[in-house]
Amino acid sequence: MTSASKDIFGLAVESYFLKKDQTPIIVHNEDFYDDEITVGYLFRSYEEMPELEQLALDLCQGKVLDVGCCAGSHSLKLKAKGHQVLPIDISRKCIQTCHKRGLQEAQQIDFFNLENQKFDTILLLMNGIGIAKTVKNLSFFFQKLKSLMHRTSQILLDSSDLIFLYEDEVLEENSYYGEMTFKTSYKKQVSQSFPWLYLDFDLLKSKAQNEGLSCELIFEDDHYGFLAKLKLT
């Protein structure tokens, strides 16, 4: 059955929070093997987070927008450190779980519909840049980010260079290898297909600079992942 709400992550997060249900989320891509997301990982503490995420949280300043907050683990740490934080997610059940975990300020809203606010830090972790969907949409994505910034604001985001998936393959010239299409499933619920974007750092930097944003490489991990900081130029 196809989930009308498509709230796969919300269903899994709610079930884990209320019942400690260990059923994983399955990520489907027609070109690769299925992957599993352990739902308990979405509830990880700061000490359980990878170094990249810890560093991103340590670099946060002032009022923070946590885009795609999911179960709220990053926001909880930031709030504990004294930051004013706005956790947002399109998932109703994720936001309900955030409220139950002590994040009453969490809001169910699409990032692209957020208006009339400014933040010192905009946080897009767990490949949050994926919400741009395609390389073509990056200009609109960056302009939206800029509308939520003031002169000294920063954007902290991570992504992964998926070139390692295509070693010894000839890449198509008319498409970018980081533009992916996924479905997710949880128990008998299956989402509709959705586009998701992964970027290599050089392309991110080039596209950001085209929109008046500087882009600094902060950290690289051992799995083609990186953390970048963007600021207005």
C-alpha atoms as a PDB file:
ATOM      1  CA  MET A   1       0.000   0.000   0.000  1.00  0.00           C
ATOM      2  CA  THR A   2       1.137   3.554  -0.658  1.00  0.00           C
ATOM      3  CA  SER A   3       1.051   5.948   2.260  1.00  0.00           C
ATOM      4  CA  ALA A   4      -1.213   8.895   1.489  1.00  0.00           C
ATOM      5  CA  SER A   5       0.664  11.081   3.948  1.00  0.00           C
ATOM      6  CA  LYS A   6       4.070   9.768   2.832  1.00  0.00           C
ATOM      7  CA  ASP A   7       5.103  10.317   6.459  1.00  0.00           C
ATOM      8  CA  ILE A   8       7.370   7.287   6.598  1.00  0.00           C
ATOM      9  CA  PHE A   9       9.889   8.861   8.948  1.00  0.00           C
ATOM     10  CA  GLY A  10       7.127  10.187  11.181  1.00  0.00           C
ATOM     11  CA  LEU A  11       5.513   6.774  11.522  1.00  0.00           C
ATOM     12  CA  ALA A  12       8.830   5.167  12.408  1.00  0.00           C
ATOM     13  CA  VAL A  13       9.891   7.934  14.805  1.00  0.00           C
ATOM     14  CA  GLU A  14       6.563   7.861  16.629  1.00  0.00           C
ATOM     15  CA  SER A  15       6.554   4.075  16.937  1.00  0.00           C
ATOM     16  CA  TYR A  16      10.121   4.012  18.269  1.00  0.00           C
ATOM     17  CA  PHE A  17       9.464   6.803  20.759  1.00  0.00           C
ATOM     18  CA  LEU A  18       6.249   5.300  22.116  1.00  0.00           C
ATOM     19  CA  LYS A  19       7.005   1.580  21.870  1.00  0.00           C
ATOM     20  CA  LYS A  20      10.757   1.267  21.223  1.00  0.00           C
ATOM     21  CA  ASP A  21       9.768  -0.442  17.947  1.00  0.00           C
ATOM     22  CA  GLN A  22      13.041  -1.459  16.261  1.00  0.00           C
ATOM     23  CA  THR A  23      11.577  -1.903  12.760  1.00  0.00           C
ATOM     24  CA  PRO A  24      13.943  -0.072  10.364  1.00  0.00           C
ATOM     25  CA  ILE A  25      13.097   2.368   7.591  1.00  0.00           C
ATOM     26  CA  ILE A  26      13.995   0.922   4.187  1.00  0.00           C
ATOM     27  CA  VAL A  27      15.396   3.201   1.481  1.00  0.00           C
ATOM     28  CA  HIS A  28      14.806   2.029  -2.093  1.00  0.00           C
ATOM     29  CA  ASN A  29      16.655   3.100  -5.225  1.00  0.00           C
ATOM     30  CA  GLU A  30      16.153   1.220  -8.466  1.00  0.00           C
ATOM     31  CA  ASP A  31      19.848   1.389  -9.347  1.00  0.00           C
ATOM     32  CA  PHE A  32      21.242   0.138  -6.030  1.00  0.00           C
ATOM     33  CA  TYR A  33      20.531  -2.312  -3.249  1.00  0.00           C
ATOM     34  CA  ASP A  34      18.027  -1.337  -0.581  1.00  0.00           C
ATOM     35  CA  ASP A  35      19.473   0.391   2.468  1.00  0.00           C
ATOM     36  CA  GLU A  36      18.228   0.430   6.066  1.00  0.00           C
ATOM     37  CA  ILE A  37      17.959   3.316   8.512  1.00  0.00           C
ATOM     38  CA  THR A  38      18.008   2.213  12.131  1.00  0.00           C
ATOM     39  CA  VAL A  39      15.298   4.372  13.740  1.00  0.00           C
ATOM     40  CA  GLY A  40      17.097   4.451  17.089  1.00  0.00           C
ATOM     41  CA  TYR A  41      19.913   6.322  15.332  1.00  0.00           C
ATOM     42  CA  LEU A  42      17.517   9.234  14.807  1.00  0.00           C
ATOM     43  CA  PHE A  43      17.371   9.574  18.612  1.00  0.00           C
ATOM     44  CA  ARG A  44      21.148   9.631  19.124  1.00  0.00           C
ATOM     45  CA  SER A  45      22.792  11.726  21.796  1.00  0.00           C
ATOM     46  CA  TYR A  46      25.578  14.208  21.063  1.00  0.00           C
ATOM     47  CA  GLU A  47      28.124  11.615  22.223  1.00  0.00           C
ATOM     48  CA  GLU A  48      26.711   9.102  19.728  1.00  0.00           C
ATOM     49  CA  MET A  49      26.826  11.496  16.775  1.00  0.00           C
ATOM     50  CA  PRO A  50      29.584  11.294  14.158  1.00  0.00           C
ATOM     51  CA  GLU A  51      32.374  13.852  14.386  1.00  0.00           C
ATOM     52  CA  LEU A  52      30.960  15.848  11.474  1.00  0.00           C
ATOM     53  CA  GLU A  53      27.664  16.444  13.289  1.00  0.00           C
ATOM     54  CA  GLN A  54      29.337  17.241  16.604  1.00  0.00           C
ATOM     55  CA  LEU A  55      31.498  19.828  14.871  1.00  0.00           C
ATOM     56  CA  ALA A  56      28.480  21.376  13.138  1.00  0.00           C
ATOM     57  CA  LEU A  57      26.625  21.723  16.434  1.00  0.00           C
ATOM     58  CA  ASP A  58      29.697  23.211  18.104  1.00  0.00           C
ATOM     59  CA  LEU A  59      29.921  25.831  15.325  1.00  0.00           C
ATOM     60  CA  CYS A  60      26.305  26.959  15.680  1.00  0.00           C
ATOM     61  CA  GLN A  61      25.845  30.550  16.787  1.00  0.00           C
ATOM     62  CA  GLY A  62      22.875  32.505  18.118  1.00  0.00           C
ATOM     63  CA  LYS A  63      19.383  31.786  16.842  1.00  0.00           C
ATOM     64  CA  VAL A  64      19.408  28.495  14.922  1.00  0.00           C
ATOM     65  CA  LEU A  65      17.033  27.131  12.278  1.00  0.00           C
ATOM     66  CA  ASP A  66      17.201  23.314  12.266  1.00  0.00           C
ATOM     67  CA  VAL A  67      15.877  22.286   8.848  1.00  0.00           C
ATOM     68  CA  GLY A  68      14.484  18.750   8.647  1.00  0.00           C
ATOM     69  CA  CYS A  69      14.777  18.243  12.399  1.00  0.00           C
ATOM     70  CA  CYS A  70      13.199  14.749  12.345  1.00  0.00           C
ATOM     71  CA  ALA A  71      13.161  13.470  15.963  1.00  0.00           C
ATOM     72  CA  GLY A  72      14.852  16.638  17.218  1.00  0.00           C
ATOM     73  CA  SER A  73      18.178  15.250  18.408  1.00  0.00           C
ATOM     74  CA  HIS A  74      20.274  18.134  17.057  1.00  0.00           C
ATOM     75  CA  SER A  75      17.849  20.752  18.369  1.00  0.00           C
ATOM     76  CA  LEU A  76      17.786  19.194  21.823  1.00  0.00           C
ATOM     77  CA  LYS A  77      21.558  19.531  22.090  1.00  0.00           C
ATOM     78  CA  LEU A  78      21.482  23.102  20.819  1.00  0.00           C
ATOM     79  CA  LYS A  79      18.718  24.035  23.255  1.00  0.00           C
ATOM     80  CA  ALA A  80      20.667  22.479  26.120  1.00  0.00           C
ATOM     81  CA  LYS A  81      23.631  24.674  25.123  1.00  0.00           C
ATOM     82  CA  GLY A  82      21.445  27.783  25.424  1.00  0.00           C
ATOM     83  CA  HIS A  83      20.641  28.466  21.793  1.00  0.00           C
ATOM     84  CA  GLN A  84      17.279  29.749  20.677  1.00  0.00           C
ATOM     85  CA  VAL A  85      16.314  27.109  18.125  1.00  0.00           C
ATOM     86  CA  LEU A  86      13.484  26.634  15.651  1.00  0.00           C
ATOM     87  CA  PRO A  87      13.204  22.964  14.628  1.00  0.00           C
ATOM     88  CA  ILE A  88      11.122  22.480  11.473  1.00  0.00           C
ATOM     89  CA  ASP A  89      10.026  19.435   9.509  1.00  0.00           C
ATOM     90  CA  ILE A  90       7.251  18.596   7.049  1.00  0.00           C
ATOM     91  CA  SER A  91       6.411  15.472   9.075  1.00  0.00           C
ATOM     92  CA  ARG A  92       3.497  15.974  11.454  1.00  0.00           C
ATOM     93  CA  LYS A  93       4.383  12.933  13.543  1.00  0.00           C
ATOM     94  CA  CYS A  94       8.039  13.946  13.805  1.00  0.00           C
ATOM     95  CA  ILE A  95       7.005  17.352  15.113  1.00  0.00           C
ATOM     96  CA  GLN A  96       4.594  15.766  17.571  1.00  0.00           C
ATOM     97  CA  THR A  97       7.454  13.605  18.833  1.00  0.00           C
ATOM     98  CA  CYS A  98       9.706  16.674  19.111  1.00  0.00           C
ATOM     99  CA  HIS A  99       7.053  18.310  21.301  1.00  0.00           C
ATOM    100  CA  LYS A 100       6.980  15.243  23.548  1.00  0.00           C
ATOM    101  CA  ARG A 101      10.780  15.328  23.816  1.00  0.00           C
ATOM    102  CA  GLY A 102      10.700  18.907  25.110  1.00  0.00           C
ATOM    103  CA  LEU A 103      10.886  20.940  21.896  1.00  0.00           C
ATOM    104  CA  GLN A 104       7.609  22.838  22.132  1.00  0.00           C
ATOM    105  CA  GLU A 105       8.936  25.394  19.633  1.00  0.00           C
ATOM    106  CA  ALA A 106       9.122  22.783  16.846  1.00  0.00           C
ATOM    107  CA  GLN A 107       6.901  23.563  13.849  1.00  0.00           C
ATOM    108  CA  GLN A 108       5.477  21.511  11.011  1.00  0.00           C
ATOM    109  CA  ILE A 109       6.335  23.677   8.030  1.00  0.00           C
ATOM    110  CA  ASP A 110       8.044  23.322   4.669  1.00  0.00           C
ATOM    111  CA  PHE A 111      11.372  25.169   4.619  1.00  0.00           C
ATOM    112  CA  PHE A 112      10.364  26.887   1.388  1.00  0.00           C
ATOM    113  CA  ASN A 113       7.267  28.339   3.071  1.00  0.00           C
ATOM    114  CA  LEU A 114       9.157  29.878   5.998  1.00  0.00           C
ATOM    115  CA  GLU A 115       9.076  33.686   5.807  1.00  0.00           C
ATOM    116  CA  ASN A 116       9.670  36.907   7.716  1.00  0.00           C
ATOM    117  CA  GLN A 117      12.350  35.492  10.007  1.00  0.00           C
ATOM    118  CA  LYS A 118      16.126  35.812  10.217  1.00  0.00           C
ATOM    119  CA  PHE A 119      18.550  33.351  11.785  1.00  0.00           C
ATOM    120  CA  ASP A 120      22.166  33.496  12.873  1.00  0.00           C
ATOM    121  CA  THR A 121      22.716  29.872  11.838  1.00  0.00           C
ATOM    122  CA  ILE A 122      20.804  27.729   9.369  1.00  0.00           C
ATOM    123  CA  LEU A 123      21.539  24.054   9.968  1.00  0.00           C
ATOM    124  CA  LEU A 124      21.013  21.432   7.247  1.00  0.00           C
ATOM    125  CA  LEU A 125      22.413  18.153   8.518  1.00  0.00           C
ATOM    126  CA  MET A 126      22.013  14.567   7.272  1.00  0.00           C
ATOM    127  CA  ASN A 127      22.387  15.839   3.706  1.00  0.00           C
ATOM    128  CA  GLY A 128      19.773  18.515   4.240  1.00  0.00           C
ATOM    129  CA  ILE A 129      20.716  20.095   0.927  1.00  0.00           C
ATOM    130  CA  GLY A 130      18.837  17.179  -0.602  1.00  0.00           C
ATOM    131  CA  ILE A 131      15.639  19.234  -0.338  1.00  0.00           C
ATOM    132  CA  ALA A 132      16.884  21.255  -3.321  1.00  0.00           C
ATOM    133  CA  LYS A 133      16.084  18.082  -5.306  1.00  0.00           C
ATOM    134  CA  THR A 134      18.140  18.891  -8.436  1.00  0.00           C
ATOM    135  CA  VAL A 135      21.158  20.932  -9.473  1.00  0.00           C
ATOM    136  CA  LYS A 136      18.835  23.118 -11.539  1.00  0.00           C
ATOM    137  CA  ASN A 137      16.916  24.081  -8.382  1.00  0.00           C
ATOM    138  CA  LEU A 138      20.016  25.191  -6.458  1.00  0.00           C
ATOM    139  CA  SER A 139      19.659  28.840  -7.458  1.00  0.00           C
ATOM    140  CA  PHE A 140      16.132  28.997  -5.999  1.00  0.00           C
ATOM    141  CA  PHE A 141      17.315  27.064  -2.935  1.00  0.00           C
ATOM    142  CA  PHE A 142      20.180  29.455  -2.231  1.00  0.00           C
ATOM    143  CA  GLN A 143      17.974  32.509  -2.751  1.00  0.00           C
ATOM    144  CA  LYS A 144      15.534  31.111  -0.193  1.00  0.00           C
ATOM    145  CA  LEU A 145      18.378  30.592   2.274  1.00  0.00           C
ATOM    146  CA  LYS A 146      19.559  34.170   1.728  1.00  0.00           C
ATOM    147  CA  SER A 147      16.064  35.493   2.524  1.00  0.00           C
ATOM    148  CA  LEU A 148      16.424  34.010   6.024  1.00  0.00           C
ATOM    149  CA  MET A 149      19.893  35.472   6.652  1.00  0.00           C
ATOM    150  CA  HIS A 150      21.332  38.760   7.838  1.00  0.00           C
ATOM    151  CA  ARG A 151      24.807  40.022   7.026  1.00  0.00           C
ATOM    152  CA  THR A 152      26.657  37.831   9.541  1.00  0.00           C
ATOM    153  CA  SER A 153      24.528  34.679   9.306  1.00  0.00           C
ATOM    154  CA  GLN A 154      26.028  31.306   8.455  1.00  0.00           C
ATOM    155  CA  ILE A 155      24.742  28.135   6.810  1.00  0.00           C
ATOM    156  CA  LEU A 156      26.134  24.807   7.989  1.00  0.00           C
ATOM    157  CA  LEU A 157      25.386  21.839   5.748  1.00  0.00           C
ATOM    158  CA  ASP A 158      26.761  18.437   4.916  1.00  0.00           C
ATOM    159  CA  SER A 159      26.577  16.271   1.857  1.00  0.00           C
ATOM    160  CA  SER A 160      28.364  13.346   0.227  1.00  0.00           C
ATOM    161  CA  ASP A 161      30.174  13.028  -3.070  1.00  0.00           C
ATOM    162  CA  LEU A 162      28.582   9.931  -4.613  1.00  0.00           C
ATOM    163  CA  ILE A 163      31.275   9.527  -7.246  1.00  0.00           C
ATOM    164  CA  PHE A 164      32.477   6.428  -5.368  1.00  0.00           C
ATOM    165  CA  LEU A 165      29.304   4.631  -6.485  1.00  0.00           C
ATOM    166  CA  TYR A 166      30.322   4.972 -10.121  1.00  0.00           C
ATOM    167  CA  GLU A 167      33.958   3.928 -10.132  1.00  0.00           C
ATOM    168  CA  ASP A 168      35.030   2.512 -13.506  1.00  0.00           C
ATOM    169  CA  GLU A 169      31.753   3.692 -15.072  1.00  0.00           C
ATOM    170  CA  VAL A 170      31.291   6.272 -17.810  1.00  0.00           C
ATOM    171  CA  LEU A 171      29.008   8.986 -16.456  1.00  0.00           C
ATOM    172  CA  GLU A 172      26.230  10.475 -18.565  1.00  0.00           C
ATOM    173  CA  GLU A 173      27.027  13.982 -19.741  1.00  0.00           C
ATOM    174  CA  ASN A 174      23.455  15.271 -19.567  1.00  0.00           C
ATOM    175  CA  SER A 175      22.843  14.404 -15.919  1.00  0.00           C
ATOM    176  CA  TYR A 176      24.591  14.807 -12.571  1.00  0.00           C
ATOM    177  CA  TYR A 177      25.424  11.627 -10.683  1.00  0.00           C
ATOM    178  CA  GLY A 178      24.301  13.095  -7.363  1.00  0.00           C
ATOM    179  CA  GLU A 179      20.689  13.527  -8.482  1.00  0.00           C
ATOM    180  CA  MET A 180      18.931  10.514  -7.000  1.00  0.00           C
ATOM    181  CA  THR A 181      15.375   9.206  -6.825  1.00  0.00           C
ATOM    182  CA  PHE A 182      14.222   7.246  -3.797  1.00  0.00           C
ATOM    183  CA  LYS A 183      11.262   5.602  -2.170  1.00  0.00           C
ATOM    184  CA  THR A 184      11.100   4.848   1.531  1.00  0.00           C
ATOM    185  CA  SER A 185       9.066   2.207   3.309  1.00  0.00           C
ATOM    186  CA  TYR A 186       8.192   1.301   6.872  1.00  0.00           C
ATOM    187  CA  LYS A 187       6.343  -1.928   7.590  1.00  0.00           C
ATOM    188  CA  LYS A 188       3.555  -1.994   4.949  1.00  0.00           C
ATOM    189  CA  GLN A 189       3.666   1.729   4.181  1.00  0.00           C
ATOM    190  CA  VAL A 190       5.523   2.857   1.043  1.00  0.00           C
ATOM    191  CA  SER A 191       6.172   6.435   0.020  1.00  0.00           C
ATOM    192  CA  GLN A 192       5.867   7.810  -3.462  1.00  0.00           C
ATOM    193  CA  SER A 193       9.110   8.385  -5.376  1.00  0.00           C
ATOM    194  CA  PHE A 194      10.925  11.612  -4.554  1.00  0.00           C
ATOM    195  CA  PRO A 195      14.076  13.330  -5.861  1.00  0.00           C
ATOM    196  CA  TRP A 196      17.011  13.959  -3.548  1.00  0.00           C
ATOM    197  CA  LEU A 197      20.297  15.737  -4.234  1.00  0.00           C
ATOM    198  CA  TYR A 198      23.835  14.901  -3.155  1.00  0.00           C
ATOM    199  CA  LEU A 199      26.627  17.310  -4.084  1.00  0.00           C
ATOM    200  CA  ASP A 200      30.380  17.156  -4.392  1.00  0.00           C
ATOM    201  CA  PHE A 201      32.091  20.077  -2.677  1.00  0.00           C
ATOM    202  CA  ASP A 202      33.448  21.727  -5.832  1.00  0.00           C
ATOM    203  CA  LEU A 203      29.999  21.912  -7.415  1.00  0.00           C
ATOM    204  CA  LEU A 204      28.473  23.184  -4.171  1.00  0.00           C
ATOM    205  CA  LYS A 205      31.102  25.920  -3.947  1.00  0.00           C
ATOM    206  CA  SER A 206      30.643  26.951  -7.579  1.00  0.00           C
ATOM    207  CA  LYS A 207      26.849  27.127  -7.357  1.00  0.00           C
ATOM    208  CA  ALA A 208      26.953  28.967  -4.022  1.00  0.00           C
ATOM    209  CA  GLN A 209      29.390  31.557  -5.321  1.00  0.00           C
ATOM    210  CA  ASN A 210      27.126  32.163  -8.319  1.00  0.00           C
ATOM    211  CA  GLU A 211      24.421  33.209  -5.834  1.00  0.00           C
ATOM    212  CA  GLY A 212      26.611  35.500  -3.719  1.00  0.00           C
ATOM    213  CA  LEU A 213      27.593  33.014  -1.033  1.00  0.00           C
ATOM    214  CA  SER A 214      31.090  32.045   0.043  1.00  0.00           C
ATOM    215  CA  CYS A 215      31.636  28.342   0.687  1.00  0.00           C
ATOM    216  CA  GLU A 216      34.294  26.964   3.035  1.00  0.00           C
ATOM    217  CA  LEU A 217      35.176  23.300   3.509  1.00  0.00           C
ATOM    218  CA  ILE A 218      35.135  22.664   7.262  1.00  0.00           C
ATOM    219  CA  PHE A 219      35.544  18.893   7.543  1.00  0.00           C
ATOM    220  CA  GLU A 220      35.772  15.724   5.464  1.00  0.00           C
ATOM    221  CA  ASP A 221      35.067  12.244   6.814  1.00  0.00           C
ATOM    222  CA  ASP A 222      36.288   8.864   5.578  1.00  0.00           C
ATOM    223  CA  HIS A 223      33.127   8.123   3.607  1.00  0.00           C
ATOM    224  CA  TYR A 224      33.075  10.923   1.001  1.00  0.00           C
ATOM    225  CA  GLY A 225      31.043  13.128   3.335  1.00  0.00           C
ATOM    226  CA  PHE A 226      31.886  16.747   4.113  1.00  0.00           C
ATOM    227  CA  LEU A 227      30.724  19.709   6.188  1.00  0.00           C
ATOM    228  CA  ALA A 228      30.637  23.165   4.603  1.00  0.00           C
ATOM    229  CA  LYS A 229      29.990  26.681   5.888  1.00  0.00           C
ATOM    230  CA  LEU A 230      28.336  29.267   3.654  1.00  0.00           C
ATOM    231  CA  LYS A 231      28.136  33.016   4.296  1.00  0.00           C
ATOM    232  CA  LEU A 232      27.030  36.096   2.400  1.00  0.00           C
ATOM    233  CA  THR A 233      29.780  37.740   0.369  1.00  0.00           C
END
